């Protein structure tokens, strides 16, 4: 159940971001002052650099803490914060707004990735590691495939603003799905956490 909950939660989060991934460059170049094709690359780099620099330090901290309560807290907080970032796009007019939001998203995902992976790894059934990870990877592949195709259609019909709200809503549902599974996720390590 813990594995299922983690996969469902990540599916919703990635499906949301998949809605805007392929067309985000159009938003930057068409609707943001100072946005250009060159800036698209720098915006993407900002997210990846912030996440990649901060993530090992947080992961080291999580590994030193005993139990999953801290992991789970940072996981849900990171998911929630990353889900609010698309709402920030609604109010963005300058390129520095986007850089700031992508930095925040990088910090949030630096909390999500190591904690999600650690909890997932701890809960995999013995001798089902490859299958469990493949189910996760497959679900994320489907999430991106369908949402990428759907995102372009939705944006052409509804516009970026409505789709940004939808991305945020899917992220919040992702966090709620995780919270609804809290007892199953933390049950395995209940003795250690007490």
N, C-alpha and C. Protein backbone atom coordinates (compact mmCIF):
# COMPACT_ATOMS: atom_id res chain seq x y z
N UNK A 1 0.83 -1.21 0.00
CA UNK A 1 0.00 0.00 0.00
C UNK A 1 0.86 1.25 0.00
N UNK A 2 1.96 1.21 0.72
CA UNK A 2 2.85 2.38 0.75
C UNK A 2 3.42 2.65 -0.63
N UNK A 3 3.85 1.59 -1.31
CA UNK A 3 4.40 1.72 -2.66
C UNK A 3 3.34 2.27 -3.61
N UNK A 4 2.13 1.74 -3.51
CA UNK A 4 1.04 2.22 -4.36
C UNK A 4 0.76 3.70 -4.12
N UNK A 5 0.72 4.09 -2.85
CA UNK A 5 0.47 5.49 -2.52
C UNK A 5 1.55 6.41 -3.06
N UNK A 6 2.80 5.99 -2.93
CA UNK A 6 3.91 6.80 -3.43
C UNK A 6 3.85 6.93 -4.95
N UNK A 7 3.53 5.85 -5.63
CA UNK A 7 3.45 5.88 -7.09
C UNK A 7 2.29 6.76 -7.55
N UNK A 8 1.13 6.62 -6.93
CA UNK A 8 -0.02 7.45 -7.29
C UNK A 8 0.28 8.92 -7.08
N UNK A 9 0.89 9.23 -5.95
CA UNK A 9 1.23 10.61 -5.64
C UNK A 9 2.19 11.19 -6.66
N UNK A 10 3.24 10.44 -6.98
CA UNK A 10 4.21 10.93 -7.96
C UNK A 10 3.60 11.02 -9.35
N UNK A 11 2.72 10.09 -9.68
CA UNK A 11 2.02 10.13 -10.97
C UNK A 11 1.26 11.45 -11.12
N UNK A 12 0.52 11.83 -10.10
CA UNK A 12 -0.26 13.08 -10.16
C UNK A 12 0.64 14.30 -10.27
N UNK A 13 1.73 14.30 -9.49
CA UNK A 13 2.65 15.44 -9.53
C UNK A 13 3.27 15.58 -10.91
N UNK A 14 3.77 14.48 -11.46
CA UNK A 14 4.45 14.53 -12.76
C UNK A 14 3.46 14.78 -13.90
N UNK A 15 2.25 14.26 -13.78
CA UNK A 15 1.23 14.52 -14.80
C UNK A 15 0.92 16.02 -14.87
N UNK A 16 0.87 16.65 -13.71
CA UNK A 16 0.62 18.09 -13.68
C UNK A 16 1.72 18.86 -14.40
N UNK A 17 2.96 18.60 -14.02
CA UNK A 17 4.08 19.32 -14.65
C UNK A 17 4.23 18.94 -16.11
N UNK A 18 3.81 17.74 -16.48
CA UNK A 18 3.87 17.33 -17.88
C UNK A 18 2.95 18.13 -18.78
N UNK A 19 1.88 18.70 -18.19
CA UNK A 19 0.95 19.52 -18.98
C UNK A 19 1.63 20.74 -19.58
N UNK A 20 2.61 21.28 -18.87
CA UNK A 20 3.23 22.52 -19.36
C UNK A 20 4.66 22.34 -19.84
N UNK A 21 5.26 21.19 -19.53
CA UNK A 21 6.66 20.97 -19.89
C UNK A 21 7.01 21.28 -21.34
N UNK A 22 6.31 20.67 -22.30
CA UNK A 22 6.69 20.87 -23.70
C UNK A 22 6.41 22.27 -24.25
N UNK A 23 5.53 23.02 -23.60
CA UNK A 23 5.13 24.33 -24.16
C UNK A 23 5.52 25.50 -23.26
N UNK A 24 6.25 25.22 -22.19
CA UNK A 24 6.61 26.30 -21.27
C UNK A 24 7.48 27.35 -21.95
N UNK A 25 8.29 26.93 -22.90
CA UNK A 25 9.14 27.87 -23.63
C UNK A 25 8.30 28.91 -24.38
N UNK A 26 7.14 28.49 -24.88
CA UNK A 26 6.25 29.43 -25.58
C UNK A 26 5.74 30.49 -24.62
N UNK A 27 5.38 30.06 -23.42
CA UNK A 27 4.93 31.01 -22.39
C UNK A 27 6.02 32.03 -22.09
N UNK A 28 7.24 31.55 -21.91
CA UNK A 28 8.35 32.45 -21.58
C UNK A 28 8.63 33.46 -22.69
N UNK A 29 8.63 33.00 -23.93
CA UNK A 29 8.99 33.89 -25.05
C UNK A 29 7.85 34.82 -25.44
N UNK A 30 6.59 34.38 -25.23
CA UNK A 30 5.45 35.18 -25.68
C UNK A 30 4.85 36.08 -24.61
N UNK A 31 4.95 35.68 -23.33
CA UNK A 31 4.19 36.40 -22.32
C UNK A 31 5.02 36.98 -21.18
N UNK A 32 6.32 36.78 -21.21
CA UNK A 32 7.18 37.29 -20.14
C UNK A 32 8.15 38.31 -20.71
N UNK A 33 8.17 39.49 -20.10
CA UNK A 33 9.10 40.53 -20.55
C UNK A 33 10.53 40.09 -20.25
N UNK A 34 11.35 40.12 -21.28
CA UNK A 34 12.73 39.66 -21.15
C UNK A 34 12.88 38.19 -21.49
N UNK A 35 11.75 37.52 -21.78
CA UNK A 35 11.81 36.11 -22.15
C UNK A 35 12.31 35.96 -23.58
N UNK A 36 13.15 34.99 -23.79
CA UNK A 36 13.71 34.71 -25.12
C UNK A 36 14.11 33.25 -25.15
N UNK A 37 14.46 32.78 -26.34
CA UNK A 37 14.90 31.39 -26.45
C UNK A 37 16.14 31.14 -25.60
N UNK A 38 17.02 32.13 -25.54
CA UNK A 38 18.22 31.98 -24.70
C UNK A 38 17.84 31.87 -23.23
N UNK A 39 16.85 32.64 -22.80
CA UNK A 39 16.42 32.60 -21.40
C UNK A 39 15.76 31.29 -21.03
N UNK A 40 15.12 30.64 -22.00
CA UNK A 40 14.49 29.34 -21.74
C UNK A 40 15.50 28.36 -21.16
N UNK A 41 16.67 28.31 -21.78
CA UNK A 41 17.73 27.42 -21.30
C UNK A 41 18.22 27.79 -19.91
N UNK A 42 18.37 29.10 -19.66
CA UNK A 42 18.84 29.54 -18.35
C UNK A 42 17.80 29.27 -17.26
N UNK A 43 16.52 29.39 -17.61
CA UNK A 43 15.46 29.09 -16.64
C UNK A 43 15.51 27.61 -16.27
N UNK A 44 15.62 26.74 -17.27
CA UNK A 44 15.72 25.30 -16.99
C UNK A 44 16.96 25.00 -16.16
N UNK A 45 18.07 25.65 -16.50
CA UNK A 45 19.32 25.43 -15.77
C UNK A 45 19.20 25.87 -14.31
N UNK A 46 18.46 26.93 -14.07
CA UNK A 46 18.28 27.42 -12.70
C UNK A 46 17.64 26.36 -11.82
N UNK A 47 16.56 25.77 -12.31
CA UNK A 47 15.89 24.71 -11.55
C UNK A 47 16.85 23.57 -11.25
N UNK A 48 17.52 23.07 -12.29
CA UNK A 48 18.39 21.90 -12.13
C UNK A 48 19.61 22.20 -11.26
N UNK A 49 20.17 23.39 -11.37
CA UNK A 49 21.33 23.73 -10.55
C UNK A 49 20.96 23.84 -9.08
N UNK A 50 19.85 24.54 -8.78
CA UNK A 50 19.43 24.69 -7.38
C UNK A 50 19.12 23.33 -6.79
N UNK A 51 18.34 22.51 -7.50
CA UNK A 51 18.00 21.18 -6.99
C UNK A 51 19.24 20.32 -6.79
N UNK A 52 20.13 20.36 -7.76
CA UNK A 52 21.32 19.49 -7.71
C UNK A 52 22.32 19.91 -6.66
N UNK A 53 22.42 21.19 -6.39
CA UNK A 53 23.36 21.67 -5.37
C UNK A 53 22.84 21.39 -3.96
N UNK A 54 21.56 21.62 -3.74
CA UNK A 54 20.98 21.49 -2.39
C UNK A 54 20.69 20.04 -2.03
N UNK A 55 20.28 19.25 -3.00
CA UNK A 55 19.79 17.89 -2.75
C UNK A 55 20.76 16.99 -1.97
N UNK A 56 22.05 16.93 -2.30
CA UNK A 56 22.93 16.03 -1.53
C UNK A 56 23.03 16.39 -0.05
N UNK A 57 23.01 17.70 0.25
CA UNK A 57 23.09 18.12 1.65
C UNK A 57 21.84 17.71 2.42
N UNK A 58 20.67 17.87 1.79
CA UNK A 58 19.44 17.44 2.44
C UNK A 58 19.41 15.92 2.58
N UNK A 59 19.84 15.22 1.54
CA UNK A 59 19.85 13.76 1.60
C UNK A 59 20.76 13.26 2.72
N UNK A 60 21.90 13.90 2.88
CA UNK A 60 22.82 13.53 3.97
C UNK A 60 22.13 13.72 5.32
N UNK A 61 21.42 14.84 5.48
CA UNK A 61 20.69 15.10 6.72
C UNK A 61 19.63 14.02 6.96
N UNK A 62 18.86 13.68 5.90
CA UNK A 62 17.80 12.68 6.06
C UNK A 62 18.37 11.32 6.43
N UNK A 63 19.50 10.96 5.87
CA UNK A 63 20.12 9.67 6.19
C UNK A 63 20.60 9.60 7.63
N UNK A 64 20.98 10.75 8.19
CA UNK A 64 21.46 10.77 9.57
C UNK A 64 20.31 10.69 10.58
N UNK A 65 19.12 11.09 10.16
CA UNK A 65 17.97 11.04 11.05
C UNK A 65 17.38 9.64 11.04
N UNK A 66 16.99 9.15 12.21
CA UNK A 66 16.41 7.81 12.33
C UNK A 66 14.90 7.90 12.13
N UNK A 67 14.35 6.98 11.36
CA UNK A 67 12.91 6.95 11.14
C UNK A 67 12.49 7.74 9.91
N UNK A 68 11.20 7.65 9.62
CA UNK A 68 10.69 8.27 8.39
C UNK A 68 9.85 9.51 8.62
N UNK A 69 9.65 9.92 9.85
CA UNK A 69 8.80 11.09 10.08
C UNK A 69 9.37 12.34 9.43
N UNK A 70 10.66 12.57 9.59
CA UNK A 70 11.29 13.73 8.97
C UNK A 70 11.26 13.62 7.45
N UNK A 71 11.56 12.42 6.95
CA UNK A 71 11.51 12.21 5.50
C UNK A 71 10.12 12.54 4.96
N UNK A 72 9.11 12.02 5.63
CA UNK A 72 7.74 12.22 5.17
C UNK A 72 7.34 13.70 5.26
N UNK A 73 7.75 14.36 6.32
CA UNK A 73 7.43 15.77 6.49
C UNK A 73 8.04 16.62 5.37
N UNK A 74 9.32 16.37 5.07
CA UNK A 74 9.97 17.14 4.01
C UNK A 74 9.40 16.77 2.64
N UNK A 75 9.03 15.52 2.46
CA UNK A 75 8.44 15.08 1.20
C UNK A 75 7.12 15.81 0.94
N UNK A 76 6.24 15.81 1.92
CA UNK A 76 4.94 16.46 1.73
C UNK A 76 5.09 17.97 1.62
N UNK A 77 5.98 18.56 2.41
CA UNK A 77 6.22 20.00 2.31
C UNK A 77 6.76 20.37 0.93
N UNK A 78 7.73 19.61 0.46
CA UNK A 78 8.31 19.88 -0.85
C UNK A 78 7.29 19.75 -1.97
N UNK A 79 6.46 18.72 -1.89
CA UNK A 79 5.41 18.54 -2.91
C UNK A 79 4.43 19.71 -2.88
N UNK A 80 4.05 20.12 -1.69
CA UNK A 80 3.08 21.21 -1.56
C UNK A 80 3.66 22.52 -2.11
N UNK A 81 4.89 22.83 -1.74
CA UNK A 81 5.51 24.08 -2.21
C UNK A 81 5.67 24.06 -3.72
N UNK A 82 6.12 22.94 -4.27
CA UNK A 82 6.28 22.86 -5.73
C UNK A 82 4.93 23.02 -6.43
N UNK A 83 3.85 22.61 -5.77
CA UNK A 83 2.51 22.74 -6.34
C UNK A 83 2.02 24.19 -6.38
N UNK A 84 2.58 25.04 -5.55
CA UNK A 84 2.18 26.44 -5.55
C UNK A 84 2.91 27.26 -6.60
N UNK A 85 4.04 26.76 -7.08
CA UNK A 85 4.85 27.50 -8.06
C UNK A 85 4.07 27.87 -9.31
N UNK A 86 3.26 26.95 -9.90
CA UNK A 86 2.50 27.35 -11.09
C UNK A 86 1.56 28.52 -10.86
N UNK A 87 1.06 28.67 -9.63
CA UNK A 87 0.21 29.82 -9.33
C UNK A 87 1.03 31.11 -9.40
N UNK A 88 2.32 31.01 -9.08
CA UNK A 88 3.20 32.17 -9.21
C UNK A 88 3.37 32.60 -10.65
N UNK A 89 3.30 31.63 -11.58
CA UNK A 89 3.40 31.98 -13.00
C UNK A 89 2.26 32.90 -13.43
N UNK A 90 1.10 32.75 -12.77
CA UNK A 90 -0.06 33.58 -13.12
C UNK A 90 0.23 35.06 -12.94
N UNK A 91 1.08 35.39 -11.99
CA UNK A 91 1.36 36.78 -11.66
C UNK A 91 2.71 37.25 -12.20
N UNK A 92 3.39 36.39 -12.94
CA UNK A 92 4.73 36.72 -13.43
C UNK A 92 4.64 37.57 -14.70
N UNK A 93 5.43 38.64 -14.71
CA UNK A 93 5.50 39.49 -15.90
C UNK A 93 6.95 39.69 -16.34
N UNK A 94 7.90 39.54 -15.42
CA UNK A 94 9.31 39.75 -15.70
C UNK A 94 10.07 38.43 -15.63
N UNK A 95 11.15 38.36 -16.35
CA UNK A 95 11.92 37.11 -16.38
C UNK A 95 12.50 36.77 -15.01
N UNK A 96 12.80 37.78 -14.18
CA UNK A 96 13.35 37.47 -12.87
C UNK A 96 12.32 36.78 -11.98
N UNK A 97 11.02 37.04 -12.24
CA UNK A 97 9.97 36.33 -11.49
C UNK A 97 10.08 34.82 -11.75
N UNK A 98 10.32 34.47 -13.00
CA UNK A 98 10.42 33.06 -13.37
C UNK A 98 11.66 32.43 -12.76
N UNK A 99 12.78 33.16 -12.78
CA UNK A 99 14.00 32.64 -12.16
C UNK A 99 13.79 32.39 -10.67
N UNK A 100 13.10 33.30 -10.00
CA UNK A 100 12.81 33.13 -8.58
C UNK A 100 11.93 31.91 -8.34
N UNK A 101 10.88 31.78 -9.13
CA UNK A 101 9.98 30.64 -8.97
C UNK A 101 10.67 29.32 -9.25
N UNK A 102 11.53 29.29 -10.26
CA UNK A 102 12.25 28.05 -10.56
C UNK A 102 13.27 27.71 -9.47
N UNK A 103 13.81 28.73 -8.82
CA UNK A 103 14.70 28.48 -7.68
C UNK A 103 13.92 27.87 -6.53
N UNK A 104 12.73 28.39 -6.28
CA UNK A 104 11.87 27.84 -5.22
C UNK A 104 11.49 26.40 -5.55
N UNK A 105 11.13 26.16 -6.81
CA UNK A 105 10.79 24.80 -7.22
C UNK A 105 11.98 23.87 -7.09
N UNK A 106 13.17 24.37 -7.40
CA UNK A 106 14.39 23.56 -7.23
C UNK A 106 14.60 23.17 -5.78
N UNK A 107 14.40 24.12 -4.86
CA UNK A 107 14.52 23.81 -3.43
C UNK A 107 13.47 22.80 -3.00
N UNK A 108 12.25 22.99 -3.47
CA UNK A 108 11.16 22.07 -3.10
C UNK A 108 11.46 20.66 -3.58
N UNK A 109 11.90 20.54 -4.82
CA UNK A 109 12.17 19.21 -5.37
C UNK A 109 13.43 18.59 -4.77
N UNK A 110 14.33 19.42 -4.26
CA UNK A 110 15.49 18.89 -3.53
C UNK A 110 15.04 18.22 -2.24
N UNK A 111 13.89 18.63 -1.72
CA UNK A 111 13.30 17.95 -0.56
C UNK A 111 12.55 16.69 -0.98
N UNK A 112 11.91 16.74 -2.15
CA UNK A 112 11.06 15.63 -2.59
C UNK A 112 11.85 14.42 -3.06
N UNK A 113 12.81 14.63 -3.95
CA UNK A 113 13.45 13.49 -4.63
C UNK A 113 14.15 12.53 -3.66
N UNK A 114 15.03 13.00 -2.77
CA UNK A 114 15.70 12.03 -1.90
C UNK A 114 14.78 11.37 -0.88
N UNK A 115 13.81 12.12 -0.37
CA UNK A 115 12.92 11.54 0.63
C UNK A 115 11.96 10.54 0.00
N UNK A 116 11.42 10.88 -1.17
CA UNK A 116 10.53 9.96 -1.88
C UNK A 116 11.29 8.67 -2.19
N UNK A 117 12.49 8.80 -2.72
CA UNK A 117 13.29 7.63 -3.09
C UNK A 117 13.64 6.78 -1.88
N UNK A 118 13.98 7.42 -0.77
CA UNK A 118 14.34 6.68 0.44
C UNK A 118 13.15 5.90 0.98
N UNK A 119 12.00 6.55 1.06
CA UNK A 119 10.81 5.87 1.59
C UNK A 119 10.41 4.73 0.65
N UNK A 120 10.42 5.00 -0.64
CA UNK A 120 10.07 3.98 -1.62
C UNK A 120 10.99 2.76 -1.48
N UNK A 121 12.29 3.02 -1.38
CA UNK A 121 13.27 1.93 -1.27
C UNK A 121 13.05 1.10 -0.01
N UNK A 122 12.75 1.76 1.10
CA UNK A 122 12.55 1.03 2.36
C UNK A 122 11.31 0.12 2.33
N UNK A 123 10.33 0.49 1.51
CA UNK A 123 9.05 -0.24 1.53
C UNK A 123 8.92 -1.27 0.42
N UNK A 124 9.91 -1.38 -0.46
CA UNK A 124 9.84 -2.37 -1.53
C UNK A 124 9.87 -3.77 -0.92
N UNK A 125 8.98 -4.63 -1.41
CA UNK A 125 8.97 -6.02 -0.96
C UNK A 125 10.22 -6.73 -1.44
N UNK A 126 10.73 -7.58 -0.59
CA UNK A 126 11.94 -8.35 -0.92
C UNK A 126 11.76 -9.10 -2.23
N UNK A 127 12.75 -9.05 -3.08
CA UNK A 127 12.78 -9.73 -4.39
C UNK A 127 11.85 -9.10 -5.42
N UNK A 128 11.30 -7.91 -5.14
CA UNK A 128 10.46 -7.20 -6.11
C UNK A 128 11.01 -5.82 -6.41
N UNK A 129 12.31 -5.61 -6.19
CA UNK A 129 12.89 -4.28 -6.38
C UNK A 129 12.79 -3.81 -7.83
N UNK A 130 13.25 -4.63 -8.76
CA UNK A 130 13.25 -4.23 -10.17
C UNK A 130 11.84 -3.98 -10.67
N UNK A 131 10.91 -4.88 -10.28
CA UNK A 131 9.53 -4.72 -10.74
C UNK A 131 8.90 -3.45 -10.15
N UNK A 132 9.13 -3.20 -8.87
CA UNK A 132 8.55 -2.01 -8.23
C UNK A 132 9.06 -0.74 -8.88
N UNK A 133 10.37 -0.66 -9.10
CA UNK A 133 10.93 0.53 -9.75
C UNK A 133 10.43 0.65 -11.19
N UNK A 134 10.24 -0.48 -11.87
CA UNK A 134 9.76 -0.42 -13.25
C UNK A 134 8.31 0.07 -13.31
N UNK A 135 7.50 -0.34 -12.35
CA UNK A 135 6.11 0.14 -12.30
C UNK A 135 6.10 1.65 -12.09
N UNK A 136 6.97 2.13 -11.20
CA UNK A 136 7.05 3.57 -10.99
C UNK A 136 7.47 4.27 -12.27
N UNK A 137 8.53 3.79 -12.90
CA UNK A 137 9.02 4.41 -14.13
C UNK A 137 7.97 4.39 -15.24
N UNK A 138 7.26 3.27 -15.35
CA UNK A 138 6.22 3.14 -16.36
C UNK A 138 5.08 4.11 -16.10
N UNK A 139 4.68 4.24 -14.85
CA UNK A 139 3.59 5.17 -14.52
C UNK A 139 3.98 6.61 -14.83
N UNK A 140 5.22 6.98 -14.54
CA UNK A 140 5.69 8.33 -14.84
C UNK A 140 5.75 8.53 -16.36
N UNK A 141 6.17 7.49 -17.09
CA UNK A 141 6.18 7.57 -18.55
C UNK A 141 4.79 7.83 -19.11
N UNK A 142 3.80 7.11 -18.60
CA UNK A 142 2.42 7.33 -19.03
C UNK A 142 1.94 8.72 -18.63
N UNK A 143 2.29 9.15 -17.43
CA UNK A 143 1.88 10.48 -16.97
C UNK A 143 2.39 11.56 -17.91
N UNK A 144 3.68 11.49 -18.24
CA UNK A 144 4.26 12.49 -19.14
C UNK A 144 3.69 12.39 -20.55
N UNK A 145 3.50 11.17 -21.05
CA UNK A 145 3.01 11.00 -22.41
C UNK A 145 1.62 11.60 -22.59
N UNK A 146 0.71 11.23 -21.70
CA UNK A 146 -0.66 11.72 -21.84
C UNK A 146 -0.77 13.21 -21.52
N UNK A 147 -0.08 13.64 -20.47
CA UNK A 147 -0.22 15.05 -20.09
C UNK A 147 0.46 15.98 -21.09
N UNK A 148 1.56 15.54 -21.71
CA UNK A 148 2.21 16.36 -22.72
C UNK A 148 1.29 16.58 -23.91
N UNK A 149 0.64 15.51 -24.35
CA UNK A 149 -0.30 15.62 -25.47
C UNK A 149 -1.51 16.46 -25.08
N UNK A 150 -2.03 16.21 -23.89
CA UNK A 150 -3.21 16.93 -23.43
C UNK A 150 -2.91 18.39 -23.13
N UNK A 151 -1.70 18.66 -22.62
CA UNK A 151 -1.35 20.02 -22.24
C UNK A 151 -1.41 20.99 -23.40
N UNK A 152 -0.87 20.59 -24.53
CA UNK A 152 -0.91 21.47 -25.70
C UNK A 152 -2.34 21.77 -26.14
N UNK A 153 -3.19 20.74 -26.09
CA UNK A 153 -4.59 20.94 -26.46
C UNK A 153 -5.29 21.87 -25.48
N UNK A 154 -5.09 21.62 -24.18
CA UNK A 154 -5.74 22.45 -23.16
C UNK A 154 -5.30 23.91 -23.25
N UNK A 155 -4.00 24.12 -23.46
CA UNK A 155 -3.50 25.49 -23.54
C UNK A 155 -4.06 26.20 -24.76
N UNK A 156 -4.20 25.48 -25.88
CA UNK A 156 -4.76 26.10 -27.08
C UNK A 156 -6.23 26.46 -26.89
N UNK A 157 -6.93 25.72 -26.03
CA UNK A 157 -8.36 25.99 -25.79
C UNK A 157 -8.55 26.96 -24.62
N UNK A 158 -7.89 26.70 -23.51
CA UNK A 158 -8.13 27.45 -22.27
C UNK A 158 -7.11 28.54 -21.99
N UNK A 159 -5.92 28.41 -22.55
CA UNK A 159 -4.85 29.37 -22.27
C UNK A 159 -3.96 28.90 -21.14
N UNK A 160 -2.83 29.57 -21.01
CA UNK A 160 -1.85 29.18 -20.00
C UNK A 160 -2.38 29.32 -18.58
N UNK A 161 -3.12 30.38 -18.32
CA UNK A 161 -3.54 30.65 -16.94
C UNK A 161 -4.36 29.49 -16.35
N UNK A 162 -5.32 29.01 -17.12
CA UNK A 162 -6.16 27.91 -16.64
C UNK A 162 -5.35 26.64 -16.43
N UNK A 163 -4.41 26.39 -17.34
CA UNK A 163 -3.61 25.18 -17.22
C UNK A 163 -2.65 25.28 -16.04
N UNK A 164 -2.13 26.47 -15.74
CA UNK A 164 -1.28 26.63 -14.55
C UNK A 164 -2.07 26.29 -13.29
N UNK A 165 -3.33 26.69 -13.24
CA UNK A 165 -4.17 26.36 -12.09
C UNK A 165 -4.36 24.84 -12.01
N UNK A 166 -4.55 24.20 -13.16
CA UNK A 166 -4.72 22.74 -13.20
C UNK A 166 -3.45 22.03 -12.73
N UNK A 167 -2.29 22.52 -13.14
CA UNK A 167 -1.00 21.94 -12.69
C UNK A 167 -0.91 22.03 -11.18
N UNK A 168 -1.25 23.19 -10.65
CA UNK A 168 -1.20 23.39 -9.20
C UNK A 168 -2.19 22.45 -8.50
N UNK A 169 -3.39 22.32 -9.04
CA UNK A 169 -4.41 21.45 -8.44
C UNK A 169 -3.94 20.00 -8.42
N UNK A 170 -3.35 19.53 -9.51
CA UNK A 170 -2.85 18.15 -9.55
C UNK A 170 -1.74 17.95 -8.52
N UNK A 171 -0.89 18.97 -8.35
CA UNK A 171 0.16 18.88 -7.34
C UNK A 171 -0.40 18.82 -5.93
N UNK A 172 -1.45 19.59 -5.68
CA UNK A 172 -2.07 19.56 -4.35
C UNK A 172 -2.76 18.22 -4.12
N UNK A 173 -3.42 17.68 -5.15
CA UNK A 173 -4.01 16.34 -5.04
C UNK A 173 -2.93 15.30 -4.77
N UNK A 174 -1.76 15.50 -5.37
CA UNK A 174 -0.62 14.61 -5.14
C UNK A 174 -0.23 14.62 -3.67
N UNK A 175 -0.17 15.81 -3.09
CA UNK A 175 0.17 15.94 -1.68
C UNK A 175 -0.90 15.32 -0.80
N UNK A 176 -2.17 15.55 -1.14
CA UNK A 176 -3.27 14.97 -0.37
C UNK A 176 -3.27 13.44 -0.46
N UNK A 177 -2.95 12.91 -1.63
CA UNK A 177 -2.86 11.45 -1.79
C UNK A 177 -1.79 10.89 -0.86
N UNK A 178 -0.68 11.61 -0.77
CA UNK A 178 0.40 11.18 0.10
C UNK A 178 -0.03 11.24 1.56
N UNK A 179 -0.69 12.32 1.94
CA UNK A 179 -1.14 12.46 3.33
C UNK A 179 -2.17 11.40 3.70
N UNK A 180 -3.01 11.00 2.73
CA UNK A 180 -4.01 9.97 3.01
C UNK A 180 -3.37 8.60 3.25
N UNK A 181 -2.14 8.43 2.77
CA UNK A 181 -1.42 7.18 2.95
C UNK A 181 -0.42 7.25 4.11
N UNK A 182 -0.46 8.31 4.87
CA UNK A 182 0.55 8.55 5.91
C UNK A 182 0.71 7.36 6.85
N UNK A 183 -0.40 6.80 7.32
CA UNK A 183 -0.30 5.71 8.30
C UNK A 183 0.36 4.47 7.70
N UNK A 184 0.06 4.18 6.42
CA UNK A 184 0.68 3.01 5.79
C UNK A 184 2.16 3.25 5.53
N UNK A 185 2.50 4.48 5.14
CA UNK A 185 3.89 4.79 4.83
C UNK A 185 4.75 4.77 6.08
N UNK A 186 4.24 5.33 7.16
CA UNK A 186 5.02 5.42 8.39
C UNK A 186 4.91 4.18 9.27
N UNK A 187 3.98 3.29 8.97
CA UNK A 187 3.74 2.13 9.83
C UNK A 187 4.97 1.24 9.97
N UNK A 188 5.67 1.04 8.88
CA UNK A 188 6.83 0.12 8.90
C UNK A 188 7.88 0.55 9.91
N UNK A 189 8.04 1.87 10.06
CA UNK A 189 9.09 2.38 10.95
C UNK A 189 8.51 2.98 12.22
N UNK A 190 7.30 2.59 12.58
CA UNK A 190 6.65 3.19 13.74
C UNK A 190 7.46 3.02 15.02
N UNK A 191 8.05 1.84 15.19
CA UNK A 191 8.81 1.58 16.42
C UNK A 191 10.05 2.47 16.47
N UNK A 192 10.72 2.63 15.34
CA UNK A 192 11.93 3.45 15.31
C UNK A 192 11.60 4.92 15.57
N UNK A 193 10.45 5.37 15.04
CA UNK A 193 10.11 6.79 15.15
C UNK A 193 9.67 7.20 16.55
N UNK A 194 9.24 6.25 17.35
CA UNK A 194 8.70 6.62 18.67
C UNK A 194 9.80 7.00 19.64
